[in-house]
């Protein structure tokens, strides 16, 4: 069924339906307990998170940050796909890279006791540690792409500008008999690459 503009009525009402269901569920305190919600899967909607963190709906960017933050609060990574989930509905969306971007970084201390914190594009604040580890993927064109886990299996990609600052904190350590270059924080060491490749990062 389509409206006068030829749009799918079910898809065009997705934002309204999800918002209404979330409003009803958020009457309690704290973040939505999306890990405990398991409604039936209702298919995909035309929503996409671009590699730069911009959210799109029906091909148009969502310009209202409060609306983006609302959807980010009900985002979950299931084994098969990314979904927006409420107590009554679960719909799939497309994510080009990571769902979030780490826009700001704060560093306190040095070495194993160093504390590194990030603010994401949806204002999540995460401090690197066991619950929020760093990971470094190799970029197809060379170099590395750092990520920090926000919650569940949702990660924020560290922006290119912050990547240089993060790599500047790197040091060499012995891991399983191999000399590795990586970043130390919260008494953990996050390897980036073999020490022999550090100059190419």
C-alpha atoms as a PDB file:
ATOM      1  CA  UNK A   1       0.000   0.000   0.000  1.00  0.00           C
ATOM      2  CA  UNK A   2       1.406   3.403  -0.976  1.00  0.00           C
ATOM      3  CA  UNK A   3       0.461   7.005  -0.257  1.00  0.00           C
ATOM      4  CA  UNK A   4      -0.152   9.756  -2.821  1.00  0.00           C
ATOM      5  CA  UNK A   5       3.593  10.328  -3.178  1.00  0.00           C
ATOM      6  CA  UNK A   6       4.177   6.659  -3.950  1.00  0.00           C
ATOM      7  CA  UNK A   7       5.920   5.916  -0.651  1.00  0.00           C
ATOM      8  CA  UNK A   8       5.395   2.692   1.232  1.00  0.00           C
ATOM      9  CA  UNK A   9       2.968   3.553   4.042  1.00  0.00           C
ATOM     10  CA  UNK A  10       4.422   0.994   6.445  1.00  0.00           C
ATOM     11  CA  UNK A  11       7.938   2.323   5.895  1.00  0.00           C
ATOM     12  CA  UNK A  12       6.938   5.975   6.041  1.00  0.00           C
ATOM     13  CA  UNK A  13       5.357   5.458   9.468  1.00  0.00           C
ATOM     14  CA  UNK A  14       8.315   3.567  10.938  1.00  0.00           C
ATOM     15  CA  UNK A  15       9.735   6.565  12.800  1.00  0.00           C
ATOM     16  CA  UNK A  16       6.372   7.352  14.353  1.00  0.00           C
ATOM     17  CA  UNK A  17       5.726   3.729  15.367  1.00  0.00           C
ATOM     18  CA  UNK A  18       9.156   3.246  16.886  1.00  0.00           C
ATOM     19  CA  UNK A  19       9.028   6.578  18.693  1.00  0.00           C
ATOM     20  CA  UNK A  20       5.616   5.804  20.191  1.00  0.00           C
ATOM     21  CA  UNK A  21       6.697   2.341  21.363  1.00  0.00           C
ATOM     22  CA  UNK A  22       9.881   3.729  22.869  1.00  0.00           C
ATOM     23  CA  UNK A  23       8.045   6.545  24.652  1.00  0.00           C
ATOM     24  CA  UNK A  24       5.818   3.961  26.294  1.00  0.00           C
ATOM     25  CA  UNK A  25       8.786   1.819  27.310  1.00  0.00           C
ATOM     26  CA  UNK A  26      10.889   4.688  28.661  1.00  0.00           C
ATOM     27  CA  UNK A  27       8.546   5.566  31.491  1.00  0.00           C
ATOM     28  CA  UNK A  28      10.927   3.674  33.742  1.00  0.00           C
ATOM     29  CA  UNK A  29      14.354   4.983  34.676  1.00  0.00           C
ATOM     30  CA  UNK A  30      17.605   4.237  32.917  1.00  0.00           C
ATOM     31  CA  UNK A  31      18.419   3.322  29.326  1.00  0.00           C
ATOM     32  CA  UNK A  32      16.042   1.079  27.378  1.00  0.00           C
ATOM     33  CA  UNK A  33      16.794  -2.591  28.245  1.00  0.00           C
ATOM     34  CA  UNK A  34      17.141  -3.592  24.604  1.00  0.00           C
ATOM     35  CA  UNK A  35      19.070  -6.775  25.447  1.00  0.00           C
ATOM     36  CA  UNK A  36      15.985  -8.106  27.255  1.00  0.00           C
ATOM     37  CA  UNK A  37      13.510  -7.260  24.500  1.00  0.00           C
ATOM     38  CA  UNK A  38      12.900  -9.938  21.894  1.00  0.00           C
ATOM     39  CA  UNK A  39       9.795  -9.121  19.845  1.00  0.00           C
ATOM     40  CA  UNK A  40       9.148 -10.669  16.448  1.00  0.00           C
ATOM     41  CA  UNK A  41      11.349  -9.508  13.590  1.00  0.00           C
ATOM     42  CA  UNK A  42       9.301  -7.273  11.285  1.00  0.00           C
ATOM     43  CA  UNK A  43      11.699  -6.943   8.336  1.00  0.00           C
ATOM     44  CA  UNK A  44      13.912  -4.078   7.264  1.00  0.00           C
ATOM     45  CA  UNK A  45      13.137  -0.382   7.038  1.00  0.00           C
ATOM     46  CA  UNK A  46      14.896   2.134   4.810  1.00  0.00           C
ATOM     47  CA  UNK A  47      17.231   3.421   7.492  1.00  0.00           C
ATOM     48  CA  UNK A  48      21.014   3.524   7.129  1.00  0.00           C
ATOM     49  CA  UNK A  49      23.977   4.675   9.169  1.00  0.00           C
ATOM     50  CA  UNK A  50      26.696   5.895   6.820  1.00  0.00           C
ATOM     51  CA  UNK A  51      30.391   5.321   7.441  1.00  0.00           C
ATOM     52  CA  UNK A  52      30.723   8.895   8.742  1.00  0.00           C
ATOM     53  CA  UNK A  53      28.004   8.298  11.366  1.00  0.00           C
ATOM     54  CA  UNK A  54      25.193  10.133   9.557  1.00  0.00           C
ATOM     55  CA  UNK A  55      21.773   8.500   9.933  1.00  0.00           C
ATOM     56  CA  UNK A  56      19.531   8.376   6.859  1.00  0.00           C
ATOM     57  CA  UNK A  57      15.834   7.585   6.581  1.00  0.00           C
ATOM     58  CA  UNK A  58      14.213   7.051   3.186  1.00  0.00           C
ATOM     59  CA  UNK A  59      17.389   8.377   1.573  1.00  0.00           C
ATOM     60  CA  UNK A  60      17.439  11.668   3.493  1.00  0.00           C
ATOM     61  CA  UNK A  61      19.729  12.493   6.421  1.00  0.00           C
ATOM     62  CA  UNK A  62      18.077  12.746   9.824  1.00  0.00           C
ATOM     63  CA  UNK A  63      19.059  16.249  10.869  1.00  0.00           C
ATOM     64  CA  UNK A  64      17.585  16.260  14.370  1.00  0.00           C
ATOM     65  CA  UNK A  65      20.146  15.050  16.901  1.00  0.00           C
ATOM     66  CA  UNK A  66      17.508  14.232  19.567  1.00  0.00           C
ATOM     67  CA  UNK A  67      15.826  11.879  17.086  1.00  0.00           C
ATOM     68  CA  UNK A  68      19.147  10.254  16.171  1.00  0.00           C
ATOM     69  CA  UNK A  69      19.931   9.796  19.877  1.00  0.00           C
ATOM     70  CA  UNK A  70      16.503   8.262  20.416  1.00  0.00           C
ATOM     71  CA  UNK A  71      17.111   5.669  17.717  1.00  0.00           C
ATOM     72  CA  UNK A  72      20.673   5.074  18.901  1.00  0.00           C
ATOM     73  CA  UNK A  73      19.296   4.195  22.338  1.00  0.00           C
ATOM     74  CA  UNK A  74      17.299   1.272  20.883  1.00  0.00           C
ATOM     75  CA  UNK A  75      19.972   0.029  18.482  1.00  0.00           C
ATOM     76  CA  UNK A  76      21.238  -3.505  18.974  1.00  0.00           C
ATOM     77  CA  UNK A  77      23.543  -5.829  17.061  1.00  0.00           C
ATOM     78  CA  UNK A  78      21.979  -9.249  16.632  1.00  0.00           C
ATOM     79  CA  UNK A  79      24.014 -12.107  15.142  1.00  0.00           C
ATOM     80  CA  UNK A  80      22.434 -11.556  11.720  1.00  0.00           C
ATOM     81  CA  UNK A  81      22.015  -7.791  11.529  1.00  0.00           C
ATOM     82  CA  UNK A  82      21.694  -4.432  13.248  1.00  0.00           C
ATOM     83  CA  UNK A  83      18.176  -3.831  14.564  1.00  0.00           C
ATOM     84  CA  UNK A  84      16.112  -1.148  16.210  1.00  0.00           C
ATOM     85  CA  UNK A  85      14.164  -2.883  18.945  1.00  0.00           C
ATOM     86  CA  UNK A  86      11.253  -1.936  21.180  1.00  0.00           C
ATOM     87  CA  UNK A  87       9.076  -4.206  23.350  1.00  0.00           C
ATOM     88  CA  UNK A  88       6.698  -4.720  20.398  1.00  0.00           C
ATOM     89  CA  UNK A  89       8.789  -4.443  17.233  1.00  0.00           C
ATOM     90  CA  UNK A  90      12.236  -5.340  15.875  1.00  0.00           C
ATOM     91  CA  UNK A  91      13.325  -3.966  12.490  1.00  0.00           C
ATOM     92  CA  UNK A  92      16.577  -4.253  10.591  1.00  0.00           C
ATOM     93  CA  UNK A  93      18.660  -1.297   9.430  1.00  0.00           C
ATOM     94  CA  UNK A  94      21.856  -0.983   7.374  1.00  0.00           C
ATOM     95  CA  UNK A  95      25.161   0.072   8.939  1.00  0.00           C
ATOM     96  CA  UNK A  96      28.050   0.792   6.578  1.00  0.00           C
ATOM     97  CA  UNK A  97      30.861   0.565   9.135  1.00  0.00           C
ATOM     98  CA  UNK A  98      30.364   1.169  12.861  1.00  0.00           C
ATOM     99  CA  UNK A  99      27.117   2.680  14.131  1.00  0.00           C
ATOM    100  CA  UNK A 100      28.842   5.448  16.094  1.00  0.00           C
ATOM    101  CA  UNK A 101      31.745   7.868  15.725  1.00  0.00           C
ATOM    102  CA  UNK A 102      34.147   8.763  18.545  1.00  0.00           C
ATOM    103  CA  UNK A 103      34.485  12.532  18.160  1.00  0.00           C
ATOM    104  CA  UNK A 104      36.397  13.638  21.256  1.00  0.00           C
ATOM    105  CA  UNK A 105      39.138  12.025  23.307  1.00  0.00           C
ATOM    106  CA  UNK A 106      40.475  12.840  26.758  1.00  0.00           C
ATOM    107  CA  UNK A 107      43.696  11.329  28.117  1.00  0.00           C
ATOM    108  CA  UNK A 108      44.856  11.329  31.719  1.00  0.00           C
ATOM    109  CA  UNK A 109      48.051   9.770  33.021  1.00  0.00           C
ATOM    110  CA  UNK A 110      50.658   7.606  31.324  1.00  0.00           C
ATOM    111  CA  UNK A 111      51.566   3.977  30.742  1.00  0.00           C
ATOM    112  CA  UNK A 112      49.519   1.188  32.288  1.00  0.00           C
ATOM    113  CA  UNK A 113      47.566   3.621  34.505  1.00  0.00           C
ATOM    114  CA  UNK A 114      46.577   5.862  31.607  1.00  0.00           C
ATOM    115  CA  UNK A 115      42.879   6.648  31.291  1.00  0.00           C
ATOM    116  CA  UNK A 116      41.414   7.292  27.832  1.00  0.00           C
ATOM    117  CA  UNK A 117      37.828   8.446  27.434  1.00  0.00           C
ATOM    118  CA  UNK A 118      35.762   9.175  24.331  1.00  0.00           C
ATOM    119  CA  UNK A 119      32.563  11.073  23.546  1.00  0.00           C
ATOM    120  CA  UNK A 120      30.544   9.740  20.629  1.00  0.00           C
ATOM    121  CA  UNK A 121      28.388  11.555  18.095  1.00  0.00           C
ATOM    122  CA  UNK A 122      25.309  10.605  20.155  1.00  0.00           C
ATOM    123  CA  UNK A 123      26.915  11.814  23.406  1.00  0.00           C
ATOM    124  CA  UNK A 124      27.789   8.438  24.880  1.00  0.00           C
ATOM    125  CA  UNK A 125      30.790   8.768  27.215  1.00  0.00           C
ATOM    126  CA  UNK A 126      33.001   5.692  27.396  1.00  0.00           C
ATOM    127  CA  UNK A 127      36.265   5.097  29.226  1.00  0.00           C
ATOM    128  CA  UNK A 128      38.592   2.503  27.720  1.00  0.00           C
ATOM    129  CA  UNK A 129      38.800  -0.620  29.855  1.00  0.00           C
ATOM    130  CA  UNK A 130      37.553  -4.221  30.037  1.00  0.00           C
ATOM    131  CA  UNK A 131      33.970  -3.221  29.244  1.00  0.00           C
ATOM    132  CA  UNK A 132      34.990  -0.739  26.570  1.00  0.00           C
ATOM    133  CA  UNK A 133      38.060  -2.151  24.825  1.00  0.00           C
ATOM    134  CA  UNK A 134      39.871  -0.707  21.857  1.00  0.00           C
ATOM    135  CA  UNK A 135      40.329  -2.646  18.651  1.00  0.00           C
ATOM    136  CA  UNK A 136      42.398  -1.779  15.619  1.00  0.00           C
ATOM    137  CA  UNK A 137      41.411  -3.047  12.162  1.00  0.00           C
ATOM    138  CA  UNK A 138      43.618  -2.747   9.123  1.00  0.00           C
ATOM    139  CA  UNK A 139      42.203  -0.416   6.465  1.00  0.00           C
ATOM    140  CA  UNK A 140      42.051  -1.849   2.908  1.00  0.00           C
ATOM    141  CA  UNK A 141      44.074   1.091   1.584  1.00  0.00           C
ATOM    142  CA  UNK A 142      46.649   0.831   4.363  1.00  0.00           C
ATOM    143  CA  UNK A 143      46.828   2.207   7.878  1.00  0.00           C
ATOM    144  CA  UNK A 144      44.532   1.295  10.750  1.00  0.00           C
ATOM    145  CA  UNK A 145      40.954   1.988  11.820  1.00  0.00           C
ATOM    146  CA  UNK A 146      40.541   2.192  15.620  1.00  0.00           C
ATOM    147  CA  UNK A 147      37.247   1.421  17.343  1.00  0.00           C
ATOM    148  CA  UNK A 148      36.040   1.555  20.935  1.00  0.00           C
ATOM    149  CA  UNK A 149      33.161  -0.589  22.170  1.00  0.00           C
ATOM    150  CA  UNK A 150      30.231   1.455  23.427  1.00  0.00           C
ATOM    151  CA  UNK A 151      27.858  -1.281  24.632  1.00  0.00           C
ATOM    152  CA  UNK A 152      26.895  -4.800  23.658  1.00  0.00           C
ATOM    153  CA  UNK A 153      28.361  -5.394  20.216  1.00  0.00           C
ATOM    154  CA  UNK A 154      28.051  -1.731  19.213  1.00  0.00           C
ATOM    155  CA  UNK A 155      31.304   0.069  18.414  1.00  0.00           C
ATOM    156  CA  UNK A 156      32.322   3.636  17.679  1.00  0.00           C
ATOM    157  CA  UNK A 157      34.926   4.299  15.023  1.00  0.00           C
ATOM    158  CA  UNK A 158      37.566   6.776  16.139  1.00  0.00           C
ATOM    159  CA  UNK A 159      37.727   9.696  13.703  1.00  0.00           C
ATOM    160  CA  UNK A 160      40.794  10.100  11.525  1.00  0.00           C
ATOM    161  CA  UNK A 161      41.996  13.171  13.423  1.00  0.00           C
ATOM    162  CA  UNK A 162      41.807  11.322  16.746  1.00  0.00           C
ATOM    163  CA  UNK A 163      43.436   8.249  15.222  1.00  0.00           C
ATOM    164  CA  UNK A 164      46.711  10.157  14.900  1.00  0.00           C
ATOM    165  CA  UNK A 165      46.459  11.297  18.528  1.00  0.00           C
ATOM    166  CA  UNK A 166      45.708   7.742  19.676  1.00  0.00           C
ATOM    167  CA  UNK A 167      48.598   6.199  17.740  1.00  0.00           C
ATOM    168  CA  UNK A 168      50.899   8.869  19.192  1.00  0.00           C
ATOM    169  CA  UNK A 169      50.283   7.232  22.591  1.00  0.00           C
ATOM    170  CA  UNK A 170      51.607   3.925  21.298  1.00  0.00           C
ATOM    171  CA  UNK A 171      54.496   1.941  22.691  1.00  0.00           C
ATOM    172  CA  UNK A 172      56.172  -1.416  22.114  1.00  0.00           C
ATOM    173  CA  UNK A 173      55.606  -4.472  24.290  1.00  0.00           C
ATOM    174  CA  UNK A 174      56.299  -8.179  24.147  1.00  0.00           C
ATOM    175  CA  UNK A 175      53.159 -10.260  23.549  1.00  0.00           C
ATOM    176  CA  UNK A 176      53.333 -14.045  23.209  1.00  0.00           C
ATOM    177  CA  UNK A 177      56.910 -13.833  22.081  1.00  0.00           C
ATOM    178  CA  UNK A 178      56.285 -11.124  19.493  1.00  0.00           C
ATOM    179  CA  UNK A 179      57.190  -7.467  19.752  1.00  0.00           C
ATOM    180  CA  UNK A 180      53.972  -5.486  19.272  1.00  0.00           C
ATOM    181  CA  UNK A 181      53.133  -1.799  18.980  1.00  0.00           C
ATOM    182  CA  UNK A 182      49.963  -0.739  20.752  1.00  0.00           C
ATOM    183  CA  UNK A 183      48.251   1.512  23.262  1.00  0.00           C
ATOM    184  CA  UNK A 184      48.209   0.986  27.037  1.00  0.00           C
ATOM    185  CA  UNK A 185      45.191   2.071  29.071  1.00  0.00           C
ATOM    186  CA  UNK A 186      43.487   0.973  32.300  1.00  0.00           C
ATOM    187  CA  UNK A 187      46.168  -1.684  32.919  1.00  0.00           C
ATOM    188  CA  UNK A 188      45.470  -3.316  29.560  1.00  0.00           C
ATOM    189  CA  UNK A 189      47.439  -3.275  26.330  1.00  0.00           C
ATOM    190  CA  UNK A 190      45.666  -2.994  22.979  1.00  0.00           C
ATOM    191  CA  UNK A 191      47.940  -4.144  20.134  1.00  0.00           C
ATOM    192  CA  UNK A 192      47.834  -2.249  16.856  1.00  0.00           C
ATOM    193  CA  UNK A 193      50.446  -4.006  14.711  1.00  0.00           C
ATOM    194  CA  UNK A 194      53.784  -5.819  14.924  1.00  0.00           C
ATOM    195  CA  UNK A 195      56.491  -3.419  16.051  1.00  0.00           C
ATOM    196  CA  UNK A 196      58.229  -3.878  12.690  1.00  0.00           C
ATOM    197  CA  UNK A 197      55.218  -2.244  10.999  1.00  0.00           C
ATOM    198  CA  UNK A 198      54.770   0.660  13.420  1.00  0.00           C
ATOM    199  CA  UNK A 199      56.596   3.118  11.169  1.00  0.00           C
ATOM    200  CA  UNK A 200      53.987   2.533   8.427  1.00  0.00           C
ATOM    201  CA  UNK A 201      50.974   3.425  10.581  1.00  0.00           C
END
